[in-house]
Amino acid sequence: MSELSDEYELLSVEIGERADRVATVTIERPDARNALNGHVRSELKDAVTAADADDDVRVLVVTGSEESGAFVAGADVTEFRERGVVEQREASERPRIYETVDDASIPVIARINGHALGGGCELATACDVRIAQSGVKIGQPEINLGIIPGGGGTQRLPRLVGEGQAMKLILSGELVDAEEAQEIGLVDEVHDEDGLDERVDDLAGSMAAKSPIALEFAKKAIRASSRMGLEEGIEYEAELFAQLFATEDKDEGIEAFLEGRDPEFIGR
């Protein structure tokens, strides 16, 4: 039985629609182009946490509703109007949705089917893989409001695109289309509207067929590459690699390979 609820006000949840063991969380706030207000953030945190704890889910896809015309058009700026330093510090207490996505043990794919601006770009960069629809706009326009990215944009963006490109995007507030975003490494793939779902479904299904323990350890090791020194990271990878030799999934994977069949991983 799934632990993920479908009783959210501003989200919809599907499990198994794209592929077996793949959950899709769709933001449904079309009147504000999916802007991240407190309610959306709270429900997203709950849904991501539930998906991560659900044995029926091995991969999570995050996307925006088609009616919204956006992945996430940014933070809800109306919440900033009366907020002072103390209130903002309280609102920035971690873990926020960005850390919740980043810290998830399962792979998280951003299906960027519309504009991903400000907090939407930060949500996408907190995901593990970003697949964008051709023509969408992506960027960090906070500088135009006299502020800076506050959801990890100044930290995750340079790690993806390099310091120079991050400086250009953040200091100018300029937006890039999906094709340029792919060129600089901000998104991983770009597909037209007809091909977007096919690719997201294929990729998510391929990941979900793997050992969930190996997925978790691989994600931890890759994350460590930008957060540890090289020698420390290699040592960490070797330890994770060794730990997998205690799992039934490792035995199943090796036996299936030697027998020329598809493995059936059970997560133990």
C-alpha atoms as a PDB file:
ATOM      1  CA  MET A   1       0.000   0.000   0.000  1.00  0.00           C
ATOM      2  CA  SER A   2       1.395   3.411  -0.961  1.00  0.00           C
ATOM      3  CA  GLU A   3       2.346   5.848   1.798  1.00  0.00           C
ATOM      4  CA  LEU A   4       1.945   8.790  -0.574  1.00  0.00           C
ATOM      5  CA  SER A   5      -1.332  10.664  -0.161  1.00  0.00           C
ATOM      6  CA  ASP A   6      -3.351  12.077  -3.040  1.00  0.00           C
ATOM      7  CA  GLU A   7      -5.196  14.447  -0.720  1.00  0.00           C
ATOM      8  CA  TYR A   8      -3.189  17.592  -1.353  1.00  0.00           C
ATOM      9  CA  GLU A   9      -4.806  20.897  -2.245  1.00  0.00           C
ATOM     10  CA  LEU A  10      -2.095  22.162  -4.597  1.00  0.00           C
ATOM     11  CA  LEU A  11      -0.449  18.932  -5.740  1.00  0.00           C
ATOM     12  CA  SER A  12      -1.520  15.802  -7.551  1.00  0.00           C
ATOM     13  CA  VAL A  13       0.239  12.471  -7.051  1.00  0.00           C
ATOM     14  CA  GLU A  14       0.428   9.435  -9.327  1.00  0.00           C
ATOM     15  CA  ILE A  15       2.284   6.178  -8.775  1.00  0.00           C
ATOM     16  CA  GLY A  16       2.987   3.758 -11.587  1.00  0.00           C
ATOM     17  CA  GLU A  17       1.475   5.914 -14.329  1.00  0.00           C
ATOM     18  CA  ARG A  18       4.828   6.629 -15.969  1.00  0.00           C
ATOM     19  CA  ALA A  19       6.520   3.354 -15.083  1.00  0.00           C
ATOM     20  CA  ASP A  20       6.493   0.763 -12.343  1.00  0.00           C
ATOM     21  CA  ARG A  21       7.716   2.166  -9.002  1.00  0.00           C
ATOM     22  CA  VAL A  22       7.835   5.732 -10.353  1.00  0.00           C
ATOM     23  CA  ALA A  23       5.877   8.461  -8.538  1.00  0.00           C
ATOM     24  CA  THR A  24       4.960  11.764 -10.172  1.00  0.00           C
ATOM     25  CA  VAL A  25       4.224  14.836  -8.068  1.00  0.00           C
ATOM     26  CA  THR A  26       2.593  17.624 -10.081  1.00  0.00           C
ATOM     27  CA  ILE A  27       2.277  21.179  -8.783  1.00  0.00           C
ATOM     28  CA  GLU A  28      -1.260  22.456  -9.386  1.00  0.00           C
ATOM     29  CA  ARG A  29      -1.476  26.192  -8.783  1.00  0.00           C
ATOM     30  CA  PRO A  30      -2.443  27.530 -12.212  1.00  0.00           C
ATOM     31  CA  ASP A  31      -3.747  30.886 -10.981  1.00  0.00           C
ATOM     32  CA  ALA A  32      -0.184  31.811  -9.916  1.00  0.00           C
ATOM     33  CA  ARG A  33       1.765  29.781 -12.482  1.00  0.00           C
ATOM     34  CA  ASN A  34       2.805  27.392  -9.702  1.00  0.00           C
ATOM     35  CA  ALA A  35       4.574  30.077  -7.658  1.00  0.00           C
ATOM     36  CA  LEU A  36       5.986  28.607  -4.472  1.00  0.00           C
ATOM     37  CA  ASN A  37       4.004  30.025  -1.583  1.00  0.00           C
ATOM     38  CA  GLY A  38       4.143  28.558   1.900  1.00  0.00           C
ATOM     39  CA  HIS A  39       1.306  26.130   1.198  1.00  0.00           C
ATOM     40  CA  VAL A  40       2.947  24.680  -1.924  1.00  0.00           C
ATOM     41  CA  ARG A  41       6.300  24.376  -0.172  1.00  0.00           C
ATOM     42  CA  SER A  42       4.740  22.565   2.780  1.00  0.00           C
ATOM     43  CA  GLU A  43       2.831  20.103   0.611  1.00  0.00           C
ATOM     44  CA  LEU A  44       5.858  19.492  -1.605  1.00  0.00           C
ATOM     45  CA  LYS A  45       8.042  18.759   1.408  1.00  0.00           C
ATOM     46  CA  ASP A  46       5.464  16.302   2.701  1.00  0.00           C
ATOM     47  CA  ALA A  47       5.079  14.586  -0.686  1.00  0.00           C
ATOM     48  CA  VAL A  48       8.817  14.261  -1.315  1.00  0.00           C
ATOM     49  CA  THR A  49       9.421  12.945   2.213  1.00  0.00           C
ATOM     50  CA  ALA A  50       6.582  10.428   1.822  1.00  0.00           C
ATOM     51  CA  ALA A  51       7.841   9.257  -1.580  1.00  0.00           C
ATOM     52  CA  ASP A  52      11.341   8.821  -0.177  1.00  0.00           C
ATOM     53  CA  ALA A  53       9.994   6.647   2.651  1.00  0.00           C
ATOM     54  CA  ASP A  54       7.661   4.607   0.441  1.00  0.00           C
ATOM     55  CA  ASP A  55       8.891   1.116  -0.476  1.00  0.00           C
ATOM     56  CA  ASP A  56       6.658   1.227  -3.564  1.00  0.00           C
ATOM     57  CA  VAL A  57       8.581   4.215  -4.959  1.00  0.00           C
ATOM     58  CA  ARG A  58      12.116   4.051  -6.349  1.00  0.00           C
ATOM     59  CA  VAL A  59      12.117   7.204  -8.501  1.00  0.00           C
ATOM     60  CA  LEU A  60      10.303  10.533  -8.143  1.00  0.00           C
ATOM     61  CA  VAL A  61       9.365  12.902 -10.975  1.00  0.00           C
ATOM     62  CA  VAL A  62       8.511  16.516 -10.076  1.00  0.00           C
ATOM     63  CA  THR A  63       6.668  18.638 -12.633  1.00  0.00           C
ATOM     64  CA  GLY A  64       4.120  21.394 -13.164  1.00  0.00           C
ATOM     65  CA  SER A  65       0.561  21.018 -14.358  1.00  0.00           C
ATOM     66  CA  GLU A  66      -0.123  21.684 -18.015  1.00  0.00           C
ATOM     67  CA  GLU A  67      -2.796  24.249 -17.055  1.00  0.00           C
ATOM     68  CA  SER A  68      -0.249  26.299 -15.136  1.00  0.00           C
ATOM     69  CA  GLY A  69       1.953  26.975 -18.145  1.00  0.00           C
ATOM     70  CA  ALA A  70       5.000  26.682 -15.899  1.00  0.00           C
ATOM     71  CA  PHE A  71       7.182  24.258 -13.999  1.00  0.00           C
ATOM     72  CA  VAL A  72       7.460  26.827 -11.215  1.00  0.00           C
ATOM     73  CA  ALA A  73       7.391  30.519 -12.118  1.00  0.00           C
ATOM     74  CA  GLY A  74       9.265  31.463  -8.939  1.00  0.00           C
ATOM     75  CA  ALA A  75       8.604  32.240  -5.314  1.00  0.00           C
ATOM     76  CA  ASP A  76       5.357  33.947  -4.407  1.00  0.00           C
ATOM     77  CA  VAL A  77       6.634  37.526  -4.261  1.00  0.00           C
ATOM     78  CA  THR A  78       3.529  38.727  -2.427  1.00  0.00           C
ATOM     79  CA  GLU A  79       4.834  36.919   0.667  1.00  0.00           C
ATOM     80  CA  PHE A  80       7.978  39.076   0.624  1.00  0.00           C
ATOM     81  CA  ARG A  81       6.211  42.451   0.802  1.00  0.00           C
ATOM     82  CA  GLU A  82       5.783  42.746   4.574  1.00  0.00           C
ATOM     83  CA  ARG A  83       8.570  40.394   5.580  1.00  0.00           C
ATOM     84  CA  GLY A  84      11.551  41.751   7.510  1.00  0.00           C
ATOM     85  CA  VAL A  85      14.923  40.244   8.435  1.00  0.00           C
ATOM     86  CA  VAL A  86      13.651  38.219  11.405  1.00  0.00           C
ATOM     87  CA  GLU A  87      10.672  36.846   9.489  1.00  0.00           C
ATOM     88  CA  GLN A  88      12.842  35.900   6.530  1.00  0.00           C
ATOM     89  CA  ARG A  89      15.370  34.112   8.711  1.00  0.00           C
ATOM     90  CA  GLU A  90      12.524  32.098  10.194  1.00  0.00           C
ATOM     91  CA  ALA A  91      11.194  31.318   6.710  1.00  0.00           C
ATOM     92  CA  SER A  92      14.673  30.209   5.619  1.00  0.00           C
ATOM     93  CA  GLU A  93      15.121  27.664   8.403  1.00  0.00           C
ATOM     94  CA  ARG A  94      16.193  24.336   6.975  1.00  0.00           C
ATOM     95  CA  PRO A  95      15.253  21.865   5.765  1.00  0.00           C
ATOM     96  CA  ARG A  96      13.285  23.708   3.113  1.00  0.00           C
ATOM     97  CA  ILE A  97      11.880  22.075  -0.012  1.00  0.00           C
ATOM     98  CA  TYR A  98      15.259  22.463  -1.738  1.00  0.00           C
ATOM     99  CA  GLU A  99      17.126  20.527   0.949  1.00  0.00           C
ATOM    100  CA  THR A 100      14.325  17.963   1.162  1.00  0.00           C
ATOM    101  CA  VAL A 101      14.673  17.217  -2.566  1.00  0.00           C
ATOM    102  CA  ASP A 102      18.481  17.302  -2.442  1.00  0.00           C
ATOM    103  CA  ASP A 103      18.609  14.958   0.552  1.00  0.00           C
ATOM    104  CA  ALA A 104      16.133  12.388  -0.826  1.00  0.00           C
ATOM    105  CA  SER A 105      17.660   8.919  -1.052  1.00  0.00           C
ATOM    106  CA  ILE A 106      15.759   8.130  -4.268  1.00  0.00           C
ATOM    107  CA  PRO A 107      16.527   9.735  -7.657  1.00  0.00           C
ATOM    108  CA  VAL A 108      14.472  12.869  -8.355  1.00  0.00           C
ATOM    109  CA  ILE A 109      13.870  13.960 -11.950  1.00  0.00           C
ATOM    110  CA  ALA A 110      12.698  17.480 -12.794  1.00  0.00           C
ATOM    111  CA  ARG A 111      10.298  17.342 -15.739  1.00  0.00           C
ATOM    112  CA  ILE A 112      10.555  20.994 -16.741  1.00  0.00           C
ATOM    113  CA  ASN A 113       7.465  21.444 -18.893  1.00  0.00           C
ATOM    114  CA  GLY A 114       7.268  25.219 -18.503  1.00  0.00           C
ATOM    115  CA  HIS A 115       9.222  28.206 -17.219  1.00  0.00           C
ATOM    116  CA  ALA A 116      11.478  27.511 -14.213  1.00  0.00           C
ATOM    117  CA  LEU A 117      12.340  30.877 -12.708  1.00  0.00           C
ATOM    118  CA  GLY A 118      13.831  31.921  -9.385  1.00  0.00           C
ATOM    119  CA  GLY A 119      12.694  29.338  -6.841  1.00  0.00           C
ATOM    120  CA  GLY A 120      11.619  27.151  -9.745  1.00  0.00           C
ATOM    121  CA  CYS A 121      15.160  27.094 -11.098  1.00  0.00           C
ATOM    122  CA  GLU A 122      16.430  26.362  -7.588  1.00  0.00           C
ATOM    123  CA  LEU A 123      13.945  23.505  -7.230  1.00  0.00           C
ATOM    124  CA  ALA A 124      15.118  22.082 -10.561  1.00  0.00           C
ATOM    125  CA  THR A 125      18.803  22.336  -9.636  1.00  0.00           C
ATOM    126  CA  ALA A 126      18.093  20.527  -6.348  1.00  0.00           C
ATOM    127  CA  CYS A 127      16.837  17.567  -8.393  1.00  0.00           C
ATOM    128  CA  ASP A 128      19.235  14.922  -9.692  1.00  0.00           C
ATOM    129  CA  VAL A 129      18.358  15.124 -13.398  1.00  0.00           C
ATOM    130  CA  ARG A 130      16.660  17.902 -15.371  1.00  0.00           C
ATOM    131  CA  ILE A 131      14.723  17.131 -18.570  1.00  0.00           C
ATOM    132  CA  ALA A 132      13.278  20.248 -20.207  1.00  0.00           C
ATOM    133  CA  GLN A 133      10.723  20.932 -22.905  1.00  0.00           C
ATOM    134  CA  SER A 134      11.987  22.875 -25.877  1.00  0.00           C
ATOM    135  CA  GLY A 135      11.335  26.596 -25.646  1.00  0.00           C
ATOM    136  CA  VAL A 136      10.882  26.962 -21.898  1.00  0.00           C
ATOM    137  CA  LYS A 137      12.743  29.735 -20.068  1.00  0.00           C
ATOM    138  CA  ILE A 138      15.011  29.124 -17.093  1.00  0.00           C
ATOM    139  CA  GLY A 139      16.862  31.538 -14.845  1.00  0.00           C
ATOM    140  CA  GLN A 140      17.385  33.424 -11.595  1.00  0.00           C
ATOM    141  CA  PRO A 141      15.776  36.878 -11.986  1.00  0.00           C
ATOM    142  CA  GLU A 142      15.820  37.784  -8.266  1.00  0.00           C
ATOM    143  CA  ILE A 143      18.351  40.593  -8.850  1.00  0.00           C
ATOM    144  CA  ASN A 144      15.574  42.509 -10.626  1.00  0.00           C
ATOM    145  CA  LEU A 145      13.724  42.718  -7.292  1.00  0.00           C
ATOM    146  CA  GLY A 146      16.758  43.955  -5.383  1.00  0.00           C
ATOM    147  CA  ILE A 147      17.428  40.565  -3.805  1.00  0.00           C
ATOM    148  CA  ILE A 148      19.487  37.446  -4.602  1.00  0.00           C
ATOM    149  CA  PRO A 149      18.605  33.753  -4.928  1.00  0.00           C
ATOM    150  CA  GLY A 150      17.888  32.394  -1.466  1.00  0.00           C
ATOM    151  CA  GLY A 151      17.060  28.737  -2.092  1.00  0.00           C
ATOM    152  CA  GLY A 152      20.552  27.520  -2.945  1.00  0.00           C
ATOM    153  CA  GLY A 153      20.851  29.179  -6.357  1.00  0.00           C
ATOM    154  CA  THR A 154      24.208  30.829  -5.659  1.00  0.00           C
ATOM    155  CA  GLN A 155      25.613  27.459  -4.561  1.00  0.00           C
ATOM    156  CA  ARG A 156      24.072  24.776  -6.793  1.00  0.00           C
ATOM    157  CA  LEU A 157      24.073  26.787 -10.024  1.00  0.00           C
ATOM    158  CA  PRO A 158      27.878  27.355 -10.114  1.00  0.00           C
ATOM    159  CA  ARG A 159      28.413  23.650  -9.450  1.00  0.00           C
ATOM    160  CA  LEU A 160      26.361  22.847 -12.555  1.00  0.00           C
ATOM    161  CA  VAL A 161      27.373  25.566 -15.011  1.00  0.00           C
ATOM    162  CA  GLY A 162      30.601  27.035 -13.623  1.00  0.00           C
ATOM    163  CA  GLU A 163      31.194  30.279 -11.787  1.00  0.00           C
ATOM    164  CA  GLY A 164      31.251  32.515 -14.863  1.00  0.00           C
ATOM    165  CA  GLN A 165      27.928  31.363 -16.266  1.00  0.00           C
ATOM    166  CA  ALA A 166      26.358  31.526 -12.814  1.00  0.00           C
ATOM    167  CA  MET A 167      27.637  35.076 -12.362  1.00  0.00           C
ATOM    168  CA  LYS A 168      26.176  36.070 -15.726  1.00  0.00           C
ATOM    169  CA  LEU A 169      22.754  34.598 -15.005  1.00  0.00           C
ATOM    170  CA  ILE A 170      22.424  35.733 -11.392  1.00  0.00           C
ATOM    171  CA  LEU A 171      23.935  39.228 -11.732  1.00  0.00           C
ATOM    172  CA  SER A 172      21.978  40.095 -14.885  1.00  0.00           C
ATOM    173  CA  GLY A 173      18.748  38.286 -14.112  1.00  0.00           C
ATOM    174  CA  GLU A 174      18.687  37.193 -17.753  1.00  0.00           C
ATOM    175  CA  LEU A 175      16.716  34.099 -18.686  1.00  0.00           C
ATOM    176  CA  VAL A 176      17.939  31.395 -21.060  1.00  0.00           C
ATOM    177  CA  ASP A 177      15.855  29.054 -23.164  1.00  0.00           C
ATOM    178  CA  ALA A 178      16.045  25.302 -22.715  1.00  0.00           C
ATOM    179  CA  GLU A 179      18.471  24.847 -25.590  1.00  0.00           C
ATOM    180  CA  GLU A 180      21.006  27.291 -24.169  1.00  0.00           C
ATOM    181  CA  ALA A 181      20.444  25.851 -20.707  1.00  0.00           C
ATOM    182  CA  GLN A 182      21.489  22.463 -22.098  1.00  0.00           C
ATOM    183  CA  GLU A 183      24.580  23.947 -23.730  1.00  0.00           C
ATOM    184  CA  ILE A 184      25.829  25.351 -20.418  1.00  0.00           C
ATOM    185  CA  GLY A 185      24.860  22.263 -18.381  1.00  0.00           C
ATOM    186  CA  LEU A 186      21.881  23.715 -16.527  1.00  0.00           C
ATOM    187  CA  VAL A 187      19.589  21.034 -17.951  1.00  0.00           C
ATOM    188  CA  ASP A 188      20.619  17.589 -19.092  1.00  0.00           C
ATOM    189  CA  GLU A 189      18.287  17.002 -22.043  1.00  0.00           C
ATOM    190  CA  VAL A 190      15.796  18.975 -24.130  1.00  0.00           C
ATOM    191  CA  HIS A 191      12.863  17.425 -25.993  1.00  0.00           C
ATOM    192  CA  ASP A 192       9.889  18.744 -27.900  1.00  0.00           C
ATOM    193  CA  GLU A 193       6.442  18.518 -26.362  1.00  0.00           C
ATOM    194  CA  ASP A 194       5.722  15.149 -27.964  1.00  0.00           C
ATOM    195  CA  GLY A 195       9.028  13.620 -26.881  1.00  0.00           C
ATOM    196  CA  LEU A 196       9.221  14.966 -23.337  1.00  0.00           C
ATOM    197  CA  ASP A 197       7.036  12.370 -21.649  1.00  0.00           C
ATOM    198  CA  GLU A 198       8.485   9.476 -23.602  1.00  0.00           C
ATOM    199  CA  ARG A 199      12.007  10.356 -22.480  1.00  0.00           C
ATOM    200  CA  VAL A 200      11.075  11.086 -18.862  1.00  0.00           C
ATOM    201  CA  ASP A 201       9.122   7.831 -18.665  1.00  0.00           C
ATOM    202  CA  ASP A 202      11.936   5.793 -20.222  1.00  0.00           C
ATOM    203  CA  LEU A 203      14.601   7.301 -17.972  1.00  0.00           C
ATOM    204  CA  ALA A 204      12.557   7.041 -14.773  1.00  0.00           C
ATOM    205  CA  GLY A 205      11.558   3.464 -15.597  1.00  0.00           C
ATOM    206  CA  SER A 206      15.156   2.513 -16.302  1.00  0.00           C
ATOM    207  CA  MET A 207      16.282   3.884 -12.941  1.00  0.00           C
ATOM    208  CA  ALA A 208      13.362   2.294 -11.083  1.00  0.00           C
ATOM    209  CA  ALA A 209      14.357  -1.144 -12.384  1.00  0.00           C
ATOM    210  CA  LYS A 210      17.678  -0.924 -10.553  1.00  0.00           C
ATOM    211  CA  SER A 211      18.493  -1.923  -6.982  1.00  0.00           C
ATOM    212  CA  PRO A 212      17.166   0.799  -4.666  1.00  0.00           C
ATOM    213  CA  ILE A 213      20.173   0.361  -2.394  1.00  0.00           C
ATOM    214  CA  ALA A 214      22.584   0.790  -5.299  1.00  0.00           C
ATOM    215  CA  LEU A 215      20.624   3.848  -6.464  1.00  0.00           C
ATOM    216  CA  GLU A 216      20.894   5.415  -3.025  1.00  0.00           C
ATOM    217  CA  PHE A 217      24.620   4.694  -2.695  1.00  0.00           C
ATOM    218  CA  ALA A 218      25.387   5.881  -6.228  1.00  0.00           C
ATOM    219  CA  LYS A 219      23.549   9.143  -5.557  1.00  0.00           C
ATOM    220  CA  LYS A 220      25.454   9.633  -2.287  1.00  0.00           C
ATOM    221  CA  ALA A 221      28.794   9.030  -4.016  1.00  0.00           C
ATOM    222  CA  ILE A 222      28.045  11.402  -6.897  1.00  0.00           C
ATOM    223  CA  ARG A 223      26.835  14.118  -4.533  1.00  0.00           C
ATOM    224  CA  ALA A 224      30.072  13.748  -2.574  1.00  0.00           C
ATOM    225  CA  SER A 225      32.125  14.598  -5.678  1.00  0.00           C
ATOM    226  CA  SER A 226      31.245  18.296  -5.334  1.00  0.00           C
ATOM    227  CA  ARG A 227      31.316  18.344  -1.540  1.00  0.00           C
ATOM    228  CA  MET A 228      34.517  16.464  -0.695  1.00  0.00           C
ATOM    229  CA  GLY A 229      38.125  16.595  -1.787  1.00  0.00           C
ATOM    230  CA  LEU A 230      39.179  14.051  -4.424  1.00  0.00           C
ATOM    231  CA  GLU A 231      41.009  11.660  -2.090  1.00  0.00           C
ATOM    232  CA  GLU A 232      38.255  11.816   0.523  1.00  0.00           C
ATOM    233  CA  GLY A 233      35.639  11.248  -2.162  1.00  0.00           C
ATOM    234  CA  ILE A 234      37.428   8.230  -3.614  1.00  0.00           C
ATOM    235  CA  GLU A 235      37.717   6.721  -0.148  1.00  0.00           C
ATOM    236  CA  TYR A 236      34.001   7.354   0.455  1.00  0.00           C
ATOM    237  CA  GLU A 237      33.103   5.720  -2.863  1.00  0.00           C
ATOM    238  CA  ALA A 238      35.220   2.658  -2.049  1.00  0.00           C
ATOM    239  CA  GLU A 239      33.482   2.244   1.305  1.00  0.00           C
ATOM    240  CA  LEU A 240      30.011   2.491  -0.251  1.00  0.00           C
ATOM    241  CA  PHE A 241      31.073   0.031  -2.956  1.00  0.00           C
ATOM    242  CA  ALA A 242      32.244  -2.454  -0.316  1.00  0.00           C
ATOM    243  CA  GLN A 243      29.035  -2.118   1.713  1.00  0.00           C
ATOM    244  CA  LEU A 244      26.958  -3.190  -1.286  1.00  0.00           C
ATOM    245  CA  PHE A 245      28.665  -6.589  -1.161  1.00  0.00           C
ATOM    246  CA  ALA A 246      26.577  -7.342   1.934  1.00  0.00           C
ATOM    247  CA  THR A 247      23.297  -7.012  -0.008  1.00  0.00           C
ATOM    248  CA  GLU A 248      21.077  -9.633  -1.611  1.00  0.00           C
ATOM    249  CA  ASP A 249      20.669  -7.285  -4.556  1.00  0.00           C
ATOM    250  CA  LYS A 250      24.383  -7.536  -5.318  1.00  0.00           C
ATOM    251  CA  ASP A 251      24.121 -11.345  -5.393  1.00  0.00           C
ATOM    252  CA  GLU A 252      21.018 -11.166  -7.595  1.00  0.00           C
ATOM    253  CA  GLY A 253      22.621  -8.698  -9.991  1.00  0.00           C
ATOM    254  CA  ILE A 254      25.748 -10.817 -10.449  1.00  0.00           C
ATOM    255  CA  GLU A 255      23.802 -14.069 -10.834  1.00  0.00           C
ATOM    256  CA  ALA A 256      21.403 -12.516 -13.345  1.00  0.00           C
ATOM    257  CA  PHE A 257      24.316 -11.206 -15.391  1.00  0.00           C
ATOM    258  CA  LEU A 258      26.045 -14.590 -15.451  1.00  0.00           C
ATOM    259  CA  GLU A 259      22.776 -16.346 -16.329  1.00  0.00           C
ATOM    260  CA  GLY A 260      21.887 -13.873 -19.079  1.00  0.00           C
ATOM    261  CA  ARG A 261      18.576 -12.717 -17.550  1.00  0.00           C
ATOM    262  CA  ASP A 262      17.112  -9.532 -16.139  1.00  0.00           C
ATOM    263  CA  PRO A 263      17.687  -9.103 -12.396  1.00  0.00           C
ATOM    264  CA  GLU A 264      14.818  -8.837  -9.931  1.00  0.00           C
ATOM    265  CA  PHE A 265      15.999  -6.486  -7.225  1.00  0.00           C
ATOM    266  CA  ILE A 266      14.190  -6.498  -3.886  1.00  0.00           C
ATOM    267  CA  GLY A 267      15.965  -3.731  -1.988  1.00  0.00           C
ATOM    268  CA  ARG A 268      17.800  -5.913   0.509  1.00  0.00           C
END
